[in-house]
Amino acid sequence: MSAPQPHRLLPPALLASPEWQDACQKRDFTRIFQLVKLKAGIYPSRIAALCGMTPSRVGEIMAGRRGLAHIDVIERVADGLRIPGAMLGLAHRPWEIPASAPEGERSQASGPRLAQGATASGPAAGESLDDLLPLADSQVTRSTLAALRSSVEDYWRRDDQHGGAPLRPAVVGSLTYVTQVMRHAGDALGRDLRSLAAELARLAGWAYFDACQYSTARIYFSQALSLSREQADRLFMANVLSCMSLHATYDGNPAEAITLACKAQDVTRAVGDQPLVMSMLHMREAFAHATLRDASACHQAIDRSRDFFECARGRTDEAPSWVRYFDETKLIVDTGIALARLGEAPRAEPLIAEGLRRETSGQQRGRALHAFWLASTQLEQGKLGDACHSAGLALELSTVIDSPRVAGHVHEFHRRLAPYAREAPVIRFEQRMRESLG
């Protein structure tokens, strides 16, 4: 393999300095950005432009008032400033691998491919022999389509029970197959296959989102949006936009999350009377307003979500299957989470506790997330014993599901316990963490 491409921005002396390497190893972006300014002469406004951030966000990071934790943002910084991936604990970045490198090395460096070479709306024109041979052996029929749909239902069930991370290979493999065969199907069957591909792309995006691989998740969500737009399936477009809104909230872009949720509402209104869909979408909007600590807008969105839910009572069968999970229990617990994000812990706690009480044992990932939020509201109120007890449930569930999103919340809660390290409930919780994770 030939040598990597030279770095275009950062001087070699900076990359070789112990101070820089220590900051990268610790992912101390306050110090990294300060060194970039001092040693490379790249000022905050330029850092912001290169890394896809706002100048104010870069300023907050440089002042130590904000950190970076989401992997896709860290990847953007690595790519924007040309920081070698290994320095930040990442895989080799695509720009580090020359075009002449072997295919295997290029694919490892650039991460998962979009449906094995698929574009946003379908597969690449030049499939390999391994791609084409399965097509010669398989004839897609209505029964094949039914079997594939049954698999998707099973994937969603397993996602709820075991987390999305382990589903990624199977889901992406199914998406690859469907995007290949739909090109060779007739018009009627081809349309159904494209709808199935959109659902698989959304599921792939969700699985990567649950694995906290936000950049890859966005690629698959975008593919799902493109496929549903081709089908003129406006309700499914709203579904994908709602996923992208939640993704943006987690990714630290609440303003974008609001825009996506509102766009999904507009798309749904154009379809007609869909109160359950609108209820769910207003709750996604509420999450984003809460992250911005906009109490008035958050409460208004919660009220609209509740009003639409009341309109949907007794009409669940009329709603698309993908939104029927949003039942009364989900409305209650999501209202609590929105209030918790807003900082209204006393109002949030009983709602989340009630939702958690109602949930079934099969909803393990949801119960783990809700136990974390319950623990957070209790800690905010100084109920240390109750908080550690609730976090213990989240910890217990996190050991039987593969969801980096859940694991990240548990570790986040553990960090918030640092000021109470000598308290008995915290000592017991830390012992449980060592036993569970060690």
Protein backbone atom coordinates (compact mmCIF):
# COMPACT_ATOMS: atom_id res chain seq x y z
CA MET A 1 0.00 0.00 0.00
CA SER A 2 1.35 3.43 -0.92
CA ALA A 3 1.79 6.17 1.62
CA PRO A 4 -1.26 8.08 2.89
CA GLN A 5 -2.02 11.47 1.44
CA PRO A 6 -0.27 14.39 3.14
CA HIS A 7 -2.17 16.44 5.69
CA ARG A 8 -3.31 19.69 4.19
CA LEU A 9 -4.05 21.71 7.33
CA LEU A 10 -2.11 20.78 10.45
CA PRO A 11 1.68 21.12 10.58
CA PRO A 12 3.64 17.88 11.16
CA ALA A 13 5.27 19.36 14.26
CA LEU A 14 1.85 19.80 15.88
CA LEU A 15 0.75 16.25 15.01
CA ALA A 16 3.97 14.88 16.51
CA SER A 17 3.86 16.92 19.72
CA PRO A 18 3.11 15.06 23.00
CA GLU A 19 0.60 17.75 24.01
CA TRP A 20 -1.41 17.22 20.81
CA GLN A 21 -1.29 13.45 21.03
CA ASP A 22 -2.41 13.51 24.66
CA ALA A 23 -5.33 15.82 23.82
CA CYS A 24 -6.39 13.54 20.96
CA GLN A 25 -6.11 10.41 23.07
CA LYS A 26 -8.40 11.99 25.69
CA ARG A 27 -10.64 13.51 22.99
CA ASP A 28 -10.14 16.85 24.74
CA PHE A 29 -11.57 19.05 22.00
CA THR A 30 -11.18 22.19 24.08
CA ARG A 31 -7.42 21.71 23.95
CA ILE A 32 -7.47 20.36 20.38
CA PHE A 33 -9.22 23.48 19.07
CA GLN A 34 -6.97 25.75 21.13
CA LEU A 35 -3.87 24.08 19.69
CA VAL A 36 -5.28 24.29 16.17
CA LYS A 37 -5.66 28.02 16.64
CA LEU A 38 -2.30 28.57 18.37
CA LYS A 39 -0.08 26.21 16.38
CA ALA A 40 -1.80 26.06 12.99
CA GLY A 41 -3.25 29.57 12.84
CA ILE A 42 -6.75 28.30 12.09
CA TYR A 43 -9.25 30.57 13.81
CA PRO A 44 -12.61 29.50 15.29
CA SER A 45 -14.69 30.72 12.35
CA ARG A 46 -12.57 28.62 9.98
CA ILE A 47 -12.69 25.61 12.33
CA ALA A 48 -16.48 25.95 12.33
CA ALA A 49 -16.65 26.03 8.54
CA LEU A 50 -14.33 23.05 8.12
CA CYS A 51 -16.12 20.92 10.73
CA GLY A 52 -19.71 21.77 9.86
CA MET A 53 -20.40 23.61 13.13
CA THR A 54 -21.55 27.06 14.09
CA PRO A 55 -18.87 29.51 15.28
CA SER A 56 -20.71 29.87 18.60
CA ARG A 57 -20.52 26.13 19.19
CA VAL A 58 -16.78 26.11 18.46
CA GLY A 59 -16.38 29.05 20.85
CA GLU A 60 -18.21 27.18 23.61
CA ILE A 61 -15.99 24.13 23.10
CA MET A 62 -12.82 26.23 23.19
CA ALA A 63 -14.02 27.90 26.39
CA GLY A 64 -14.62 24.51 28.00
CA ARG A 65 -18.36 25.05 28.31
CA ARG A 66 -19.23 22.26 25.89
CA GLY A 67 -17.75 18.94 24.84
CA LEU A 68 -18.07 16.54 21.93
CA ALA A 69 -19.34 13.02 22.53
CA HIS A 70 -21.26 11.95 19.42
CA ILE A 71 -19.12 9.87 17.09
CA ASP A 72 -20.36 11.43 13.87
CA VAL A 73 -19.42 14.92 15.09
CA ILE A 74 -15.99 13.63 16.10
CA GLU A 75 -15.66 12.13 12.61
CA ARG A 76 -16.58 15.49 11.07
CA VAL A 77 -13.85 17.20 13.10
CA ALA A 78 -11.31 14.54 12.09
CA ASP A 79 -12.21 14.96 8.43
CA GLY A 80 -12.49 18.75 8.51
CA LEU A 81 -9.13 19.31 10.22
CA ARG A 82 -7.45 16.26 8.68
CA ILE A 83 -6.69 14.63 12.02
CA PRO A 84 -5.62 11.01 11.42
CA GLY A 85 -8.37 8.68 12.56
CA ALA A 86 -6.08 6.60 14.78
CA MET A 87 -5.24 9.66 16.88
CA LEU A 88 -8.89 9.96 17.92
CA GLY A 89 -9.54 6.24 18.25
CA LEU A 90 -11.31 6.06 14.87
CA ALA A 91 -10.76 3.85 11.86
CA HIS A 92 -8.56 5.25 9.09
CA ARG A 93 -10.47 8.07 7.48
CA PRO A 94 -11.35 7.80 3.73
CA TRP A 95 -8.93 10.60 2.81
CA GLU A 96 -6.06 8.68 4.47
CA ILE A 97 -6.41 5.80 1.99
CA PRO A 98 -5.11 6.47 -1.52
CA ALA A 99 -7.28 5.60 -4.49
CA SER A 100 -4.79 2.86 -5.44
CA ALA A 101 -5.32 0.98 -2.18
CA PRO A 102 -6.85 -2.50 -2.35
CA GLU A 103 -10.65 -2.59 -2.28
CA GLY A 104 -10.73 -4.30 1.12
CA GLU A 105 -8.66 -1.57 2.74
CA ARG A 106 -10.77 1.19 1.19
CA SER A 107 -14.03 -0.34 2.36
CA GLN A 108 -12.73 -0.81 5.92
CA ALA A 109 -11.58 2.78 6.05
CA SER A 110 -14.81 4.30 4.83
CA GLY A 111 -17.21 2.25 6.94
CA PRO A 112 -20.36 0.40 5.82
CA ARG A 113 -21.34 0.91 2.22
CA LEU A 114 -24.86 2.03 1.39
CA ALA A 115 -26.61 -1.22 0.54
CA GLN A 116 -23.46 -2.67 -1.01
CA GLY A 117 -23.03 0.05 -3.60
CA ALA A 118 -26.62 1.21 -3.80
CA THR A 119 -27.38 4.82 -4.46
CA ALA A 120 -30.08 6.61 -2.49
CA SER A 121 -32.72 5.12 -4.76
CA GLY A 122 -31.23 1.81 -5.85
CA PRO A 123 -28.11 -0.29 -6.43
CA ALA A 124 -25.10 0.70 -8.46
CA ALA A 125 -25.12 -0.07 -12.13
CA GLY A 126 -22.06 -2.35 -12.09
CA GLU A 127 -22.75 -5.16 -9.64
CA SER A 128 -20.03 -7.71 -9.02
CA LEU A 129 -20.37 -11.37 -9.97
CA ASP A 130 -21.23 -12.18 -6.34
CA ASP A 131 -24.08 -9.66 -6.57
CA LEU A 132 -25.44 -10.99 -9.84
CA LEU A 133 -25.36 -14.76 -9.29
CA PRO A 134 -28.11 -14.78 -6.62
CA LEU A 135 -30.40 -12.98 -9.07
CA ALA A 136 -30.04 -15.80 -11.58
CA ASP A 137 -31.10 -18.36 -8.98
CA SER A 138 -34.08 -16.58 -7.46
CA GLN A 139 -37.48 -15.67 -8.82
CA VAL A 140 -39.22 -13.07 -6.72
CA THR A 141 -42.89 -13.83 -6.23
CA ARG A 142 -45.68 -12.59 -3.98
CA SER A 143 -44.78 -15.33 -1.50
CA THR A 144 -41.16 -14.09 -1.48
CA LEU A 145 -42.43 -10.60 -0.77
CA ALA A 146 -44.62 -11.89 2.07
CA ALA A 147 -41.65 -13.73 3.59
CA LEU A 148 -39.50 -10.61 3.41
CA ARG A 149 -42.22 -8.54 5.09
CA SER A 150 -42.47 -11.15 7.83
CA SER A 151 -38.72 -10.85 8.34
CA VAL A 152 -39.04 -7.08 8.76
CA GLU A 153 -41.71 -7.56 11.42
CA ASP A 154 -39.39 -9.99 13.19
CA TYR A 155 -36.49 -7.51 12.97
CA TRP A 156 -38.60 -4.84 14.69
CA ARG A 157 -39.63 -7.30 17.40
CA ARG A 158 -36.02 -8.26 18.02
CA ASP A 159 -34.99 -4.60 17.98
CA ASP A 160 -37.37 -3.89 20.87
CA GLN A 161 -36.29 -6.97 22.82
CA HIS A 162 -32.55 -7.04 22.19
CA GLY A 163 -31.52 -3.66 20.76
CA GLY A 164 -30.80 -2.63 17.20
CA ALA A 165 -27.01 -3.00 17.06
CA PRO A 166 -26.87 -6.78 16.40
CA LEU A 167 -29.48 -6.54 13.64
CA ARG A 168 -27.36 -4.42 11.32
CA PRO A 169 -25.76 -7.19 9.19
CA ALA A 170 -29.08 -8.99 8.62
CA VAL A 171 -31.02 -5.81 7.84
CA VAL A 172 -28.39 -4.40 5.49
CA GLY A 173 -28.14 -7.81 3.79
CA SER A 174 -31.89 -7.87 3.23
CA LEU A 175 -31.79 -4.30 1.92
CA THR A 176 -29.01 -5.23 -0.48
CA TYR A 177 -31.02 -8.16 -1.83
CA VAL A 178 -34.23 -6.17 -2.24
CA THR A 179 -32.52 -3.20 -3.96
CA GLN A 180 -30.96 -5.65 -6.42
CA VAL A 181 -34.02 -7.73 -7.29
CA MET A 182 -36.46 -4.83 -7.52
CA ARG A 183 -34.69 -3.70 -10.71
CA HIS A 184 -35.63 -6.96 -12.40
CA ALA A 185 -39.24 -7.18 -11.18
CA GLY A 186 -42.37 -6.12 -13.02
CA ASP A 187 -44.09 -2.83 -12.34
CA ALA A 188 -46.59 -4.00 -9.71
CA LEU A 189 -44.15 -6.20 -7.79
CA GLY A 190 -41.37 -3.67 -8.27
CA ARG A 191 -43.45 -0.99 -6.53
CA ASP A 192 -44.04 -3.27 -3.54
CA LEU A 193 -40.35 -4.12 -3.42
CA ARG A 194 -39.41 -0.44 -3.42
CA SER A 195 -41.77 0.12 -0.49
CA LEU A 196 -40.12 -2.78 1.31
CA ALA A 197 -36.68 -1.34 0.52
CA ALA A 198 -37.76 1.97 2.06
CA GLU A 199 -38.83 0.15 5.24
CA LEU A 200 -35.55 -1.80 5.37
CA ALA A 201 -33.54 1.40 4.85
CA ARG A 202 -35.43 3.04 7.71
CA LEU A 203 -34.80 -0.01 9.88
CA ALA A 204 -31.10 0.04 8.98
CA GLY A 205 -30.97 3.72 9.91
CA TRP A 206 -32.68 2.97 13.21
CA ALA A 207 -30.26 0.09 13.96
CA TYR A 208 -27.24 2.34 13.35
CA PHE A 209 -28.88 5.10 15.38
CA ASP A 210 -29.31 2.69 18.30
CA ALA A 211 -25.63 1.80 17.87
CA CYS A 212 -24.78 5.54 18.14
CA GLN A 213 -23.28 5.48 14.62
CA TYR A 214 -25.07 8.63 13.63
CA SER A 215 -23.37 9.38 10.31
CA THR A 216 -24.23 5.96 8.91
CA ALA A 217 -27.75 6.19 10.33
CA ARG A 218 -28.31 9.42 8.46
CA ILE A 219 -27.23 7.80 5.17
CA TYR A 220 -29.83 5.06 5.53
CA PHE A 221 -32.56 7.44 6.67
CA SER A 222 -31.83 9.56 3.59
CA GLN A 223 -32.10 6.46 1.40
CA ALA A 224 -35.45 5.59 3.00
CA LEU A 225 -36.69 9.15 2.41
CA SER A 226 -35.65 9.04 -1.25
CA LEU A 227 -37.33 5.66 -1.83
CA SER A 228 -40.58 6.76 -0.20
CA ARG A 229 -40.54 9.98 -2.22
CA GLU A 230 -40.20 7.94 -5.42
CA GLN A 231 -43.26 6.00 -4.32
CA ALA A 232 -45.13 9.21 -3.48
CA ASP A 233 -45.78 7.59 -0.10
CA ARG A 234 -46.18 10.78 1.91
CA LEU A 235 -47.09 9.07 5.17
CA PHE A 236 -43.96 6.96 5.10
CA MET A 237 -41.96 10.09 4.30
CA ALA A 238 -43.38 11.57 7.52
CA ASN A 239 -42.35 8.39 9.33
CA VAL A 240 -38.74 8.71 8.13
CA LEU A 241 -38.66 12.43 8.90
CA SER A 242 -39.80 11.64 12.46
CA CYS A 243 -36.86 9.23 12.84
CA MET A 244 -34.51 11.88 11.50
CA SER A 245 -35.92 14.38 13.99
CA LEU A 246 -35.16 12.09 16.93
CA HIS A 247 -31.74 11.39 15.42
CA ALA A 248 -31.04 15.16 15.25
CA THR A 249 -32.13 15.62 18.88
CA TYR A 250 -29.67 12.96 20.02
CA ASP A 251 -26.99 14.36 17.73
CA GLY A 252 -27.12 17.76 19.41
CA ASN A 253 -29.03 19.56 16.64
CA PRO A 254 -32.40 20.39 18.25
CA ALA A 255 -33.16 23.24 15.83
CA GLU A 256 -32.81 20.82 12.93
CA ALA A 257 -34.95 18.33 14.86
CA ILE A 258 -37.76 20.89 15.12
CA THR A 259 -37.57 21.63 11.39
CA LEU A 260 -37.76 17.91 10.54
CA ALA A 261 -40.68 17.27 12.91
CA CYS A 262 -42.62 20.25 11.54
CA LYS A 263 -41.92 19.17 7.97
CA ALA A 264 -43.26 15.71 8.83
CA GLN A 265 -46.42 17.34 10.21
CA ASP A 266 -46.88 19.35 7.00
CA VAL A 267 -46.46 16.21 4.89
CA THR A 268 -49.02 14.37 7.04
CA ARG A 269 -51.57 17.20 6.85
CA ALA A 270 -51.41 16.97 3.05
CA VAL A 271 -52.48 13.30 3.29
CA GLY A 272 -55.56 13.93 5.39
CA ASP A 273 -56.89 12.91 8.77
CA GLN A 274 -54.11 11.03 10.62
CA PRO A 275 -54.44 11.95 14.31
CA LEU A 276 -52.20 9.20 15.73
CA VAL A 277 -49.37 10.09 13.36
CA MET A 278 -49.75 13.76 14.26
CA SER A 279 -49.73 12.93 17.96
CA MET A 280 -46.40 11.12 17.62
CA LEU A 281 -44.91 13.89 15.48
CA HIS A 282 -45.83 16.64 17.94
CA MET A 283 -44.14 14.63 20.68
CA ARG A 284 -40.95 14.48 18.58
CA GLU A 285 -41.20 18.25 18.23
CA ALA A 286 -41.64 18.55 22.01
CA PHE A 287 -38.40 16.60 22.59
CA ALA A 288 -36.49 19.08 20.47
CA HIS A 289 -38.03 22.15 22.12
CA ALA A 290 -37.22 20.63 25.51
CA THR A 291 -33.57 20.18 24.52
CA LEU A 292 -33.50 23.89 23.70
CA ARG A 293 -35.17 24.56 27.10
CA ASP A 294 -38.02 26.39 25.35
CA ALA A 295 -40.70 25.66 27.94
CA SER A 296 -43.56 27.44 26.20
CA ALA A 297 -43.04 25.73 22.84
CA CYS A 298 -42.47 22.37 24.51
CA HIS A 299 -45.70 22.52 26.51
CA GLN A 300 -47.65 23.61 23.44
CA ALA A 301 -46.30 20.65 21.46
CA ILE A 302 -47.17 18.27 24.32
CA ASP A 303 -50.71 19.67 24.46
CA ARG A 304 -51.13 19.22 20.70
CA SER A 305 -49.81 15.66 20.96
CA ARG A 306 -52.35 14.88 23.69
CA ASP A 307 -55.21 16.51 21.75
CA PHE A 308 -54.45 14.52 18.59
CA PHE A 309 -54.16 11.34 20.65
CA GLU A 310 -57.66 11.91 22.04
CA CYS A 311 -58.92 12.29 18.46
CA ALA A 312 -57.27 8.97 17.58
CA ARG A 313 -58.97 6.97 20.36
CA GLY A 314 -60.91 4.06 18.94
CA ARG A 315 -59.38 4.60 15.51
CA THR A 316 -56.04 2.82 15.91
CA ASP A 317 -56.89 0.36 13.13
CA GLU A 318 -57.06 3.29 10.70
CA ALA A 319 -53.49 4.36 11.46
CA PRO A 320 -50.42 3.01 9.61
CA SER A 321 -48.98 -0.06 11.30
CA TRP A 322 -45.64 1.66 11.98
CA VAL A 323 -47.22 4.24 14.32
CA ARG A 324 -49.43 1.91 16.36
CA TYR A 325 -46.67 1.51 18.94
CA PHE A 326 -47.60 5.05 20.04
CA ASP A 327 -50.26 3.99 22.53
CA GLU A 328 -51.40 5.63 25.76
CA THR A 329 -48.46 4.20 27.69
CA LYS A 330 -46.04 5.66 25.15
CA LEU A 331 -47.81 9.02 25.27
CA ILE A 332 -47.50 9.09 29.06
CA VAL A 333 -43.84 8.10 29.23
CA ASP A 334 -42.79 10.35 26.33
CA THR A 335 -44.56 13.30 27.98
CA GLY A 336 -42.50 12.54 31.08
CA ILE A 337 -39.28 12.38 29.07
CA ALA A 338 -40.03 15.69 27.36
CA LEU A 339 -40.60 17.31 30.77
CA ALA A 340 -37.41 15.68 32.08
CA ARG A 341 -35.44 17.09 29.14
CA LEU A 342 -37.00 20.45 29.97
CA GLY A 343 -35.80 20.23 33.57
CA GLU A 344 -39.24 19.79 35.16
CA ALA A 345 -38.28 16.71 37.16
CA PRO A 346 -41.13 16.73 39.76
CA ARG A 347 -43.76 16.64 36.99
CA ALA A 348 -41.80 14.17 34.88
CA GLU A 349 -41.11 11.54 37.55
CA PRO A 350 -44.66 10.17 38.13
CA LEU A 351 -45.36 10.03 34.39
CA ILE A 352 -42.22 8.04 33.58
CA ALA A 353 -42.80 5.78 36.58
CA GLU A 354 -46.35 5.06 35.43
CA GLY A 355 -45.20 4.33 31.90
CA LEU A 356 -42.50 2.01 33.18
CA ARG A 357 -45.04 0.21 35.37
CA ARG A 358 -47.31 -0.40 32.38
CA GLU A 359 -44.67 -1.66 29.97
CA THR A 360 -44.31 -5.36 29.29
CA SER A 361 -41.19 -7.38 29.95
CA GLY A 362 -40.70 -7.84 26.20
CA GLN A 363 -40.03 -4.12 25.73
CA GLN A 364 -36.57 -4.38 27.22
CA ARG A 365 -34.81 -1.55 25.41
CA GLY A 366 -37.70 0.83 26.07
CA ARG A 367 -37.82 -0.13 29.74
CA ALA A 368 -34.06 0.41 30.06
CA LEU A 369 -34.30 3.89 28.51
CA HIS A 370 -37.25 4.81 30.67
CA ALA A 371 -35.54 3.53 33.82
CA PHE A 372 -32.63 5.84 33.01
CA TRP A 373 -34.94 8.82 32.60
CA LEU A 374 -36.71 7.96 35.85
CA ALA A 375 -33.35 7.81 37.62
CA SER A 376 -32.41 11.18 36.13
CA THR A 377 -35.57 12.88 37.40
CA GLN A 378 -35.06 11.38 40.85
CA LEU A 379 -31.44 12.51 40.98
CA GLU A 380 -32.49 16.03 39.98
CA GLN A 381 -34.74 16.08 43.05
CA GLY A 382 -32.05 14.79 45.40
CA LYS A 383 -33.64 11.33 45.77
CA LEU A 384 -30.30 9.58 45.64
CA GLY A 385 -31.47 6.18 46.85
CA ASP A 386 -34.43 6.05 44.47
CA ALA A 387 -32.26 7.27 41.60
CA CYS A 388 -29.66 4.55 42.13
CA HIS A 389 -32.40 1.93 42.42
CA SER A 390 -33.96 3.01 39.10
CA ALA A 391 -30.56 3.22 37.44
CA GLY A 392 -29.91 -0.30 38.70
CA LEU A 393 -32.86 -1.50 36.61
CA ALA A 394 -31.46 0.31 33.55
CA LEU A 395 -28.09 -1.28 34.22
CA GLU A 396 -29.61 -4.75 34.62
CA LEU A 397 -31.49 -4.43 31.34
CA SER A 398 -28.48 -2.98 29.51
CA THR A 399 -26.57 -6.21 30.11
CA VAL A 400 -29.13 -8.31 28.21
CA ILE A 401 -29.59 -6.01 25.20
CA ASP A 402 -27.08 -4.75 22.67
CA SER A 403 -27.83 -1.04 22.54
CA PRO A 404 -24.92 1.40 22.79
CA ARG A 405 -27.53 4.15 23.14
CA VAL A 406 -28.77 2.58 26.39
CA ALA A 407 -25.23 1.84 27.58
CA GLY A 408 -24.30 5.46 26.94
CA HIS A 409 -27.18 6.69 29.09
CA VAL A 410 -26.14 4.39 31.94
CA HIS A 411 -22.56 5.67 31.81
CA GLU A 412 -23.86 9.24 31.61
CA PHE A 413 -25.83 8.67 34.83
CA HIS A 414 -22.77 7.13 36.49
CA ARG A 415 -20.72 10.24 35.70
CA ARG A 416 -23.41 12.42 37.28
CA LEU A 417 -22.98 10.48 40.53
CA ALA A 418 -19.38 11.69 40.98
CA PRO A 419 -20.25 14.35 43.61
CA TYR A 420 -21.93 11.65 45.73
CA ALA A 421 -19.19 9.03 45.46
CA ARG A 422 -19.03 8.43 49.23
CA GLU A 423 -22.79 7.92 49.67
CA ALA A 424 -23.94 4.36 50.37
CA PRO A 425 -26.45 4.12 47.45
CA VAL A 426 -23.75 5.24 45.02
CA ILE A 427 -21.22 2.77 46.41
CA ARG A 428 -23.75 -0.03 45.94
CA PHE A 429 -24.56 1.10 42.42
CA GLU A 430 -20.89 1.24 41.45
CA GLN A 431 -20.44 -2.27 42.83
CA ARG A 432 -23.32 -3.43 40.63
CA MET A 433 -21.69 -1.75 37.63
CA ARG A 434 -18.40 -3.53 38.29
CA GLU A 435 -20.19 -6.87 38.61
CA SER A 436 -22.30 -6.31 35.50
CA LEU A 437 -19.71 -4.81 33.19
CA GLY A 438 -16.49 -6.24 34.56
